[in-house]
Amino acid sequence: VDTVTAVPFMGTERWMECLDRPVAKDWRPWLLNQDVAGMIKDWDHMTFVSVKGCGHTIPTYCPEAGFAFFQNWLNDSW
């Protein structure tokens, strides 16, 4: 979710950085149909995933990306 003000992704990232956990993998894109669907960053035991161009309710604004996000999360296949 990167276009909604109700859940500011920059504030969430900053909060995660403040936990002082080591970064396992820095920012990188995740793809859907060979296009960038968002960005992902891993800390130890935490992952931050954005969905490009989506609003607060991902299934409403970006159902295909939302479903792919959910499948990746369920399968732990980032």
PDB file of N, CA and C in Angstrom:
ATOM      1  N   VAL A   1       0.863  -1.159   0.000  1.00  0.00           N
ATOM      2  CA  VAL A   1       0.000   0.000   0.000  1.00  0.00           C
ATOM      3  C   VAL A   1       0.909   1.222   0.000  1.00  0.00           C
ATOM      4  N   ASP A   2       0.988   1.902  -1.128  1.00  0.00           N
ATOM      5  CA  ASP A   2       1.919   3.030  -1.170  1.00  0.00           C
ATOM      6  C   ASP A   2       1.269   4.348  -1.576  1.00  0.00           C
ATOM      7  N   THR A   3      -0.065   4.390  -1.674  1.00  0.00           N
ATOM      8  CA  THR A   3      -0.715   5.639  -2.054  1.00  0.00           C
ATOM      9  C   THR A   3      -1.790   6.072  -1.067  1.00  0.00           C
ATOM     10  N   VAL A   4      -1.787   5.544   0.108  1.00  0.00           N
ATOM     11  CA  VAL A   4      -2.834   5.864   1.077  1.00  0.00           C
ATOM     12  C   VAL A   4      -2.234   6.600   2.269  1.00  0.00           C
ATOM     13  N   THR A   5      -2.955   7.594   2.768  1.00  0.00           N
ATOM     14  CA  THR A   5      -2.452   8.353   3.916  1.00  0.00           C
ATOM     15  C   THR A   5      -2.881   7.756   5.240  1.00  0.00           C
ATOM     16  N   ALA A   6      -3.860   6.843   5.242  1.00  0.00           N
ATOM     17  CA  ALA A   6      -4.317   6.228   6.487  1.00  0.00           C
ATOM     18  C   ALA A   6      -3.243   5.333   7.095  1.00  0.00           C
ATOM     19  N   VAL A   7      -2.432   4.719   6.261  1.00  0.00           N
ATOM     20  CA  VAL A   7      -1.332   3.875   6.723  1.00  0.00           C
ATOM     21  C   VAL A   7      -0.082   4.339   5.973  1.00  0.00           C
ATOM     22  N   PRO A   8       0.604   5.359   6.498  1.00  0.00           N
ATOM     23  CA  PRO A   8       1.752   5.905   5.773  1.00  0.00           C
ATOM     24  C   PRO A   8       2.924   4.927   5.752  1.00  0.00           C
ATOM     25  N   PHE A   9       3.264   4.472   4.554  1.00  0.00           N
ATOM     26  CA  PHE A   9       4.307   3.450   4.457  1.00  0.00           C
ATOM     27  C   PHE A   9       5.664   3.969   4.907  1.00  0.00           C
ATOM     28  N   MET A  10       5.934   5.262   4.700  1.00  0.00           N
ATOM     29  CA  MET A  10       7.227   5.796   5.146  1.00  0.00           C
ATOM     30  C   MET A  10       7.322   5.783   6.671  1.00  0.00           C
ATOM     31  N   GLY A  11       6.220   6.077   7.350  1.00  0.00           N
ATOM     32  CA  GLY A  11       6.210   6.015   8.809  1.00  0.00           C
ATOM     33  C   GLY A  11       6.369   4.597   9.316  1.00  0.00           C
ATOM     34  N   THR A  12       5.741   3.656   8.630  1.00  0.00           N
ATOM     35  CA  THR A  12       5.869   2.248   9.013  1.00  0.00           C
ATOM     36  C   THR A  12       7.308   1.778   8.834  1.00  0.00           C
ATOM     37  N   GLU A  13       7.907   2.155   7.711  1.00  0.00           N
ATOM     38  CA  GLU A  13       9.309   1.782   7.494  1.00  0.00           C
ATOM     39  C   GLU A  13      10.205   2.393   8.565  1.00  0.00           C
ATOM     40  N   ARG A  14       9.972   3.659   8.868  1.00  0.00           N
ATOM     41  CA  ARG A  14      10.783   4.336   9.897  1.00  0.00           C
ATOM     42  C   ARG A  14      10.632   3.628  11.243  1.00  0.00           C
ATOM     43  N   TRP A  15       9.393   3.235  11.591  1.00  0.00           N
ATOM     44  CA  TRP A  15       9.161   2.519  12.839  1.00  0.00           C
ATOM     45  C   TRP A  15       9.931   1.204  12.850  1.00  0.00           C
ATOM     46  N   MET A  16       9.914   0.489  11.724  1.00  0.00           N
ATOM     47  CA  MET A  16      10.629  -0.782  11.648  1.00  0.00           C
ATOM     48  C   MET A  16      12.133  -0.568  11.774  1.00  0.00           C
ATOM     49  N   GLU A  17      12.644   0.499  11.177  1.00  0.00           N
ATOM     50  CA  GLU A  17      14.078   0.821  11.290  1.00  0.00           C
ATOM     51  C   GLU A  17      14.460   1.096  12.744  1.00  0.00           C
ATOM     52  N   CYS A  18      13.554   1.717  13.501  1.00  0.00           N
ATOM     53  CA  CYS A  18      13.834   2.057  14.900  1.00  0.00           C
ATOM     54  C   CYS A  18      13.964   0.832  15.800  1.00  0.00           C
ATOM     55  N   LEU A  19      13.527  -0.313  15.338  1.00  0.00           N
ATOM     56  CA  LEU A  19      13.655  -1.531  16.137  1.00  0.00           C
ATOM     57  C   LEU A  19      15.080  -2.072  16.140  1.00  0.00           C
ATOM     58  N   ASP A  20      15.936  -1.469  15.299  1.00  0.00           N
ATOM     59  CA  ASP A  20      17.363  -1.846  15.236  1.00  0.00           C
ATOM     60  C   ASP A  20      17.593  -3.323  14.941  1.00  0.00           C
ATOM     61  N   ARG A  21      16.749  -3.886  14.099  1.00  0.00           N
ATOM     62  CA  ARG A  21      16.956  -5.261  13.664  1.00  0.00           C
ATOM     63  C   ARG A  21      17.882  -5.236  12.456  1.00  0.00           C
ATOM     64  N   PRO A  22      18.733  -6.224  12.286  1.00  0.00           N
ATOM     65  CA  PRO A  22      19.606  -6.244  11.111  1.00  0.00           C
ATOM     66  C   PRO A  22      18.806  -6.468   9.819  1.00  0.00           C
ATOM     67  N   VAL A  23      19.206  -5.763   8.780  1.00  0.00           N
ATOM     68  CA  VAL A  23      18.572  -5.917   7.475  1.00  0.00           C
ATOM     69  C   VAL A  23      19.090  -7.204   6.840  1.00  0.00           C
ATOM     70  N   ALA A  24      18.177  -8.081   6.463  1.00  0.00           N
ATOM     71  CA  ALA A  24      18.555  -9.333   5.812  1.00  0.00           C
ATOM     72  C   ALA A  24      18.684  -9.135   4.305  1.00  0.00           C
ATOM     73  N   LYS A  25      17.713  -8.423   3.708  1.00  0.00           N
ATOM     74  CA  LYS A  25      17.747  -8.095   2.277  1.00  0.00           C
ATOM     75  C   LYS A  25      17.193  -6.693   2.116  1.00  0.00           C
ATOM     76  N   ASP A  26      17.934  -5.840   1.439  1.00  0.00           N
ATOM     77  CA  ASP A  26      17.503  -4.463   1.259  1.00  0.00           C
ATOM     78  C   ASP A  26      16.395  -4.371   0.209  1.00  0.00           C
ATOM     79  N   TRP A  27      15.896  -3.161   0.001  1.00  0.00           N
ATOM     80  CA  TRP A  27      14.796  -2.938  -0.933  1.00  0.00           C
ATOM     81  C   TRP A  27      15.054  -3.580  -2.285  1.00  0.00           C
ATOM     82  N   ARG A  28      14.015  -4.234  -2.790  1.00  0.00           N
ATOM     83  CA  ARG A  28      14.061  -4.839  -4.117  1.00  0.00           C
ATOM     84  C   ARG A  28      12.622  -4.926  -4.619  1.00  0.00           C
ATOM     85  N   PRO A  29      12.433  -4.955  -5.925  1.00  0.00           N
ATOM     86  CA  PRO A  29      11.068  -5.045  -6.447  1.00  0.00           C
ATOM     87  C   PRO A  29      10.528  -6.464  -6.363  1.00  0.00           C
ATOM     88  N   TRP A  30       9.222  -6.581  -6.246  1.00  0.00           N
ATOM     89  CA  TRP A  30       8.578  -7.867  -6.472  1.00  0.00           C
ATOM     90  C   TRP A  30       7.723  -7.700  -7.717  1.00  0.00           C
ATOM     91  N   LEU A  31       7.646  -8.771  -8.484  1.00  0.00           N
ATOM     92  CA  LEU A  31       7.073  -8.679  -9.824  1.00  0.00           C
ATOM     93  C   LEU A  31       5.757  -9.431  -9.942  1.00  0.00           C
ATOM     94  N   LEU A  32       4.922  -8.925 -10.833  1.00  0.00           N
ATOM     95  CA  LEU A  32       3.687  -9.577 -11.212  1.00  0.00           C
ATOM     96  C   LEU A  32       3.556  -9.400 -12.715  1.00  0.00           C
ATOM     97  N   ASN A  33       3.535 -10.483 -13.451  1.00  0.00           N
ATOM     98  CA  ASN A  33       3.469 -10.435 -14.923  1.00  0.00           C
ATOM     99  C   ASN A  33       4.624  -9.622 -15.520  1.00  0.00           C
ATOM    100  N   GLN A  34       5.800  -9.796 -15.010  1.00  0.00           N
ATOM    101  CA  GLN A  34       7.029  -9.126 -15.450  1.00  0.00           C
ATOM    102  C   GLN A  34       7.025  -7.607 -15.231  1.00  0.00           C
ATOM    103  N   ASP A  35       6.085  -7.102 -14.437  1.00  0.00           N
ATOM    104  CA  ASP A  35       6.056  -5.682 -14.078  1.00  0.00           C
ATOM    105  C   ASP A  35       6.282  -5.543 -12.582  1.00  0.00           C
ATOM    106  N   VAL A  36       6.844  -4.419 -12.168  1.00  0.00           N
ATOM    107  CA  VAL A  36       7.043  -4.163 -10.746  1.00  0.00           C
ATOM    108  C   VAL A  36       5.679  -3.953 -10.100  1.00  0.00           C
ATOM    109  N   ALA A  37       5.361  -4.789  -9.117  1.00  0.00           N
ATOM    110  CA  ALA A  37       4.091  -4.705  -8.401  1.00  0.00           C
ATOM    111  C   ALA A  37       4.250  -4.005  -7.063  1.00  0.00           C
ATOM    112  N   GLY A  38       5.483  -3.795  -6.640  1.00  0.00           N
ATOM    113  CA  GLY A  38       5.755  -3.150  -5.360  1.00  0.00           C
ATOM    114  C   GLY A  38       7.194  -3.388  -4.958  1.00  0.00           C
ATOM    115  N   MET A  39       7.479  -3.041  -3.720  1.00  0.00           N
ATOM    116  CA  MET A  39       8.832  -3.198  -3.193  1.00  0.00           C
ATOM    117  C   MET A  39       8.775  -4.034  -1.923  1.00  0.00           C
ATOM    118  N   ILE A  40       9.915  -4.628  -1.598  1.00  0.00           N
ATOM    119  CA  ILE A  40      10.004  -5.503  -0.429  1.00  0.00           C
ATOM    120  C   ILE A  40      11.361  -5.311   0.241  1.00  0.00           C
ATOM    121  N   LYS A  41      11.348  -5.372   1.572  1.00  0.00           N
ATOM    122  CA  LYS A  41      12.578  -5.284   2.362  1.00  0.00           C
ATOM    123  C   LYS A  41      12.449  -6.244   3.531  1.00  0.00           C
ATOM    124  N   ASP A  42      13.517  -6.978   3.817  1.00  0.00           N
ATOM    125  CA  ASP A  42      13.515  -7.949   4.909  1.00  0.00           C
ATOM    126  C   ASP A  42      14.493  -7.547   6.001  1.00  0.00           C
ATOM    127  N   TRP A  43      14.001  -7.629   7.220  1.00  0.00           N
ATOM    128  CA  TRP A  43      14.844  -7.592   8.402  1.00  0.00           C
ATOM    129  C   TRP A  43      14.810  -9.007   8.946  1.00  0.00           C
ATOM    130  N   ASP A  44      15.551  -9.289   9.996  1.00  0.00           N
ATOM    131  CA  ASP A  44      15.414 -10.627  10.569  1.00  0.00           C
ATOM    132  C   ASP A  44      14.033 -10.720  11.219  1.00  0.00           C
ATOM    133  N   HIS A  45      13.263 -11.688  10.834  1.00  0.00           N
ATOM    134  CA  HIS A  45      11.926 -11.971  11.371  1.00  0.00           C
ATOM    135  C   HIS A  45      10.862 -10.931  11.035  1.00  0.00           C
ATOM    136  N   MET A  46      11.133 -10.004  10.104  1.00  0.00           N
ATOM    137  CA  MET A  46      10.142  -9.015   9.670  1.00  0.00           C
ATOM    138  C   MET A  46      10.314  -8.748   8.187  1.00  0.00           C
ATOM    139  N   THR A  47       9.210  -8.528   7.518  1.00  0.00           N
ATOM    140  CA  THR A  47       9.245  -8.187   6.099  1.00  0.00           C
ATOM    141  C   THR A  47       8.281  -7.042   5.857  1.00  0.00           C
ATOM    142  N   PHE A  48       8.709  -6.068   5.078  1.00  0.00           N
ATOM    143  CA  PHE A  48       7.867  -4.943   4.676  1.00  0.00           C
ATOM    144  C   PHE A  48       7.626  -5.078   3.184  1.00  0.00           C
ATOM    145  N   VAL A  49       6.360  -5.107   2.779  1.00  0.00           N
ATOM    146  CA  VAL A  49       5.994  -5.244   1.374  1.00  0.00           C
ATOM    147  C   VAL A  49       5.062  -4.105   1.002  1.00  0.00           C
ATOM    148  N   SER A  50       5.374  -3.406  -0.082  1.00  0.00           N
ATOM    149  CA  SER A  50       4.449  -2.395  -0.594  1.00  0.00           C
ATOM    150  C   SER A  50       3.796  -2.930  -1.861  1.00  0.00           C
ATOM    151  N   VAL A  51       2.610  -2.424  -2.143  1.00  0.00           N
ATOM    152  CA  VAL A  51       1.896  -2.761  -3.362  1.00  0.00           C
ATOM    153  C   VAL A  51       1.734  -1.462  -4.136  1.00  0.00           C
ATOM    154  N   LYS A  52       2.413  -1.384  -5.249  1.00  0.00           N
ATOM    155  CA  LYS A  52       2.500  -0.160  -6.052  1.00  0.00           C
ATOM    156  C   LYS A  52       1.129   0.326  -6.517  1.00  0.00           C
ATOM    157  N   GLY A  53       0.860   1.605  -6.233  1.00  0.00           N
ATOM    158  CA  GLY A  53      -0.339   2.255  -6.732  1.00  0.00           C
ATOM    159  C   GLY A  53      -1.639   1.860  -6.058  1.00  0.00           C
ATOM    160  N   CYS A  54      -1.573   1.181  -4.922  1.00  0.00           N
ATOM    161  CA  CYS A  54      -2.794   0.714  -4.278  1.00  0.00           C
ATOM    162  C   CYS A  54      -3.219   1.641  -3.145  1.00  0.00           C
ATOM    163  N   GLY A  55      -4.507   1.593  -2.886  1.00  0.00           N
ATOM    164  CA  GLY A  55      -5.064   2.312  -1.758  1.00  0.00           C
ATOM    165  C   GLY A  55      -5.136   1.422  -0.535  1.00  0.00           C
ATOM    166  N   HIS A  56      -5.892   1.865   0.450  1.00  0.00           N
ATOM    167  CA  HIS A  56      -5.945   1.203   1.754  1.00  0.00           C
ATOM    168  C   HIS A  56      -6.510  -0.216   1.676  1.00  0.00           C
ATOM    169  N   THR A  57      -7.461  -0.458   0.800  1.00  0.00           N
ATOM    170  CA  THR A  57      -8.017  -1.802   0.663  1.00  0.00           C
ATOM    171  C   THR A  57      -7.527  -2.391  -0.659  1.00  0.00           C
ATOM    172  N   ILE A  58      -6.461  -3.133  -0.564  1.00  0.00           N
ATOM    173  CA  ILE A  58      -5.795  -3.671  -1.747  1.00  0.00           C
ATOM    174  C   ILE A  58      -6.748  -4.484  -2.629  1.00  0.00           C
ATOM    175  N   PRO A  59      -7.614  -5.350  -2.083  1.00  0.00           N
ATOM    176  CA  PRO A  59      -8.497  -6.112  -2.967  1.00  0.00           C
ATOM    177  C   PRO A  59      -9.423  -5.220  -3.808  1.00  0.00           C
ATOM    178  N   THR A  60      -9.760  -4.054  -3.301  1.00  0.00           N
ATOM    179  CA  THR A  60     -10.621  -3.137  -4.044  1.00  0.00           C
ATOM    180  C   THR A  60      -9.866  -2.441  -5.162  1.00  0.00           C
ATOM    181  N   TYR A  61      -8.687  -1.926  -4.849  1.00  0.00           N
ATOM    182  CA  TYR A  61      -7.936  -1.108  -5.801  1.00  0.00           C
ATOM    183  C   TYR A  61      -7.052  -1.926  -6.741  1.00  0.00           C
ATOM    184  N   CYS A  62      -6.479  -2.994  -6.252  1.00  0.00           N
ATOM    185  CA  CYS A  62      -5.524  -3.793  -7.032  1.00  0.00           C
ATOM    186  C   CYS A  62      -5.750  -5.277  -6.740  1.00  0.00           C
ATOM    187  N   PRO A  63      -6.865  -5.839  -7.186  1.00  0.00           N
ATOM    188  CA  PRO A  63      -7.162  -7.218  -6.795  1.00  0.00           C
ATOM    189  C   PRO A  63      -6.131  -8.245  -7.256  1.00  0.00           C
ATOM    190  N   GLU A  64      -5.583  -8.088  -8.457  1.00  0.00           N
ATOM    191  CA  GLU A  64      -4.610  -9.074  -8.939  1.00  0.00           C
ATOM    192  C   GLU A  64      -3.329  -9.014  -8.111  1.00  0.00           C
ATOM    193  N   ALA A  65      -2.828  -7.809  -7.874  1.00  0.00           N
ATOM    194  CA  ALA A  65      -1.617  -7.656  -7.053  1.00  0.00           C
ATOM    195  C   ALA A  65      -1.883  -8.091  -5.614  1.00  0.00           C
ATOM    196  N   GLY A  66      -3.068  -7.791  -5.113  1.00  0.00           N
ATOM    197  CA  GLY A  66      -3.424  -8.203  -3.755  1.00  0.00           C
ATOM    198  C   GLY A  66      -3.443  -9.710  -3.599  1.00  0.00           C
ATOM    199  N   PHE A  67      -3.982 -10.396  -4.595  1.00  0.00           N
ATOM    200  CA  PHE A  67      -4.018 -11.852  -4.544  1.00  0.00           C
ATOM    201  C   PHE A  67      -2.605 -12.424  -4.624  1.00  0.00           C
ATOM    202  N   ALA A  68      -1.775 -11.858  -5.509  1.00  0.00           N
ATOM    203  CA  ALA A  68      -0.379 -12.316  -5.618  1.00  0.00           C
ATOM    204  C   ALA A  68       0.370 -12.075  -4.312  1.00  0.00           C
ATOM    205  N   PHE A  69       0.146 -10.904  -3.708  1.00  0.00           N
ATOM    206  CA  PHE A  69       0.748 -10.590  -2.410  1.00  0.00           C
ATOM    207  C   PHE A  69       0.359 -11.653  -1.387  1.00  0.00           C
ATOM    208  N   PHE A  70      -0.937 -11.981  -1.311  1.00  0.00           N
ATOM    209  CA  PHE A  70      -1.438 -12.957  -0.346  1.00  0.00           C
ATOM    210  C   PHE A  70      -0.854 -14.344  -0.604  1.00  0.00           C
ATOM    211  N   GLN A  71      -0.800 -14.757  -1.867  1.00  0.00           N
ATOM    212  CA  GLN A  71      -0.206 -16.055  -2.203  1.00  0.00           C
ATOM    213  C   GLN A  71       1.267 -16.103  -1.800  1.00  0.00           C
ATOM    214  N   ASN A  72       2.011 -15.040  -2.103  1.00  0.00           N
ATOM    215  CA  ASN A  72       3.434 -15.003  -1.736  1.00  0.00           C
ATOM    216  C   ASN A  72       3.602 -15.070  -0.229  1.00  0.00           C
ATOM    217  N   TRP A  73       2.730 -14.386   0.507  1.00  0.00           N
ATOM    218  CA  TRP A  73       2.806 -14.391   1.955  1.00  0.00           C
ATOM    219  C   TRP A  73       2.492 -15.795   2.501  1.00  0.00           C
ATOM    220  N   LEU A  74       1.421 -16.406   1.991  1.00  0.00           N
ATOM    221  CA  LEU A  74       1.070 -17.755   2.443  1.00  0.00           C
ATOM    222  C   LEU A  74       2.171 -18.771   2.146  1.00  0.00           C
ATOM    223  N   ASN A  75       2.777 -18.655   0.985  1.00  0.00           N
ATOM    224  CA  ASN A  75       3.804 -19.607   0.570  1.00  0.00           C
ATOM    225  C   ASN A  75       5.207 -19.219   1.011  1.00  0.00           C
ATOM    226  N   ASP A  76       5.319 -18.067   1.669  1.00  0.00           N
ATOM    227  CA  ASP A  76       6.631 -17.540   2.079  1.00  0.00           C
ATOM    228  C   ASP A  76       7.597 -17.578   0.897  1.00  0.00           C
ATOM    229  N   SER A  77       7.118 -17.038  -0.247  1.00  0.00           N
ATOM    230  CA  SER A  77       7.905 -17.139  -1.484  1.00  0.00           C
ATOM    231  C   SER A  77       8.352 -15.777  -2.010  1.00  0.00           C
ATOM    232  N   TRP A  78       8.739 -14.905  -1.128  1.00  0.00           N
ATOM    233  CA  TRP A  78       9.253 -13.610  -1.579  1.00  0.00           C
ATOM    234  C   TRP A  78      10.653 -13.820  -2.052  1.00  0.00           C
TER     235      TRP A  78
END
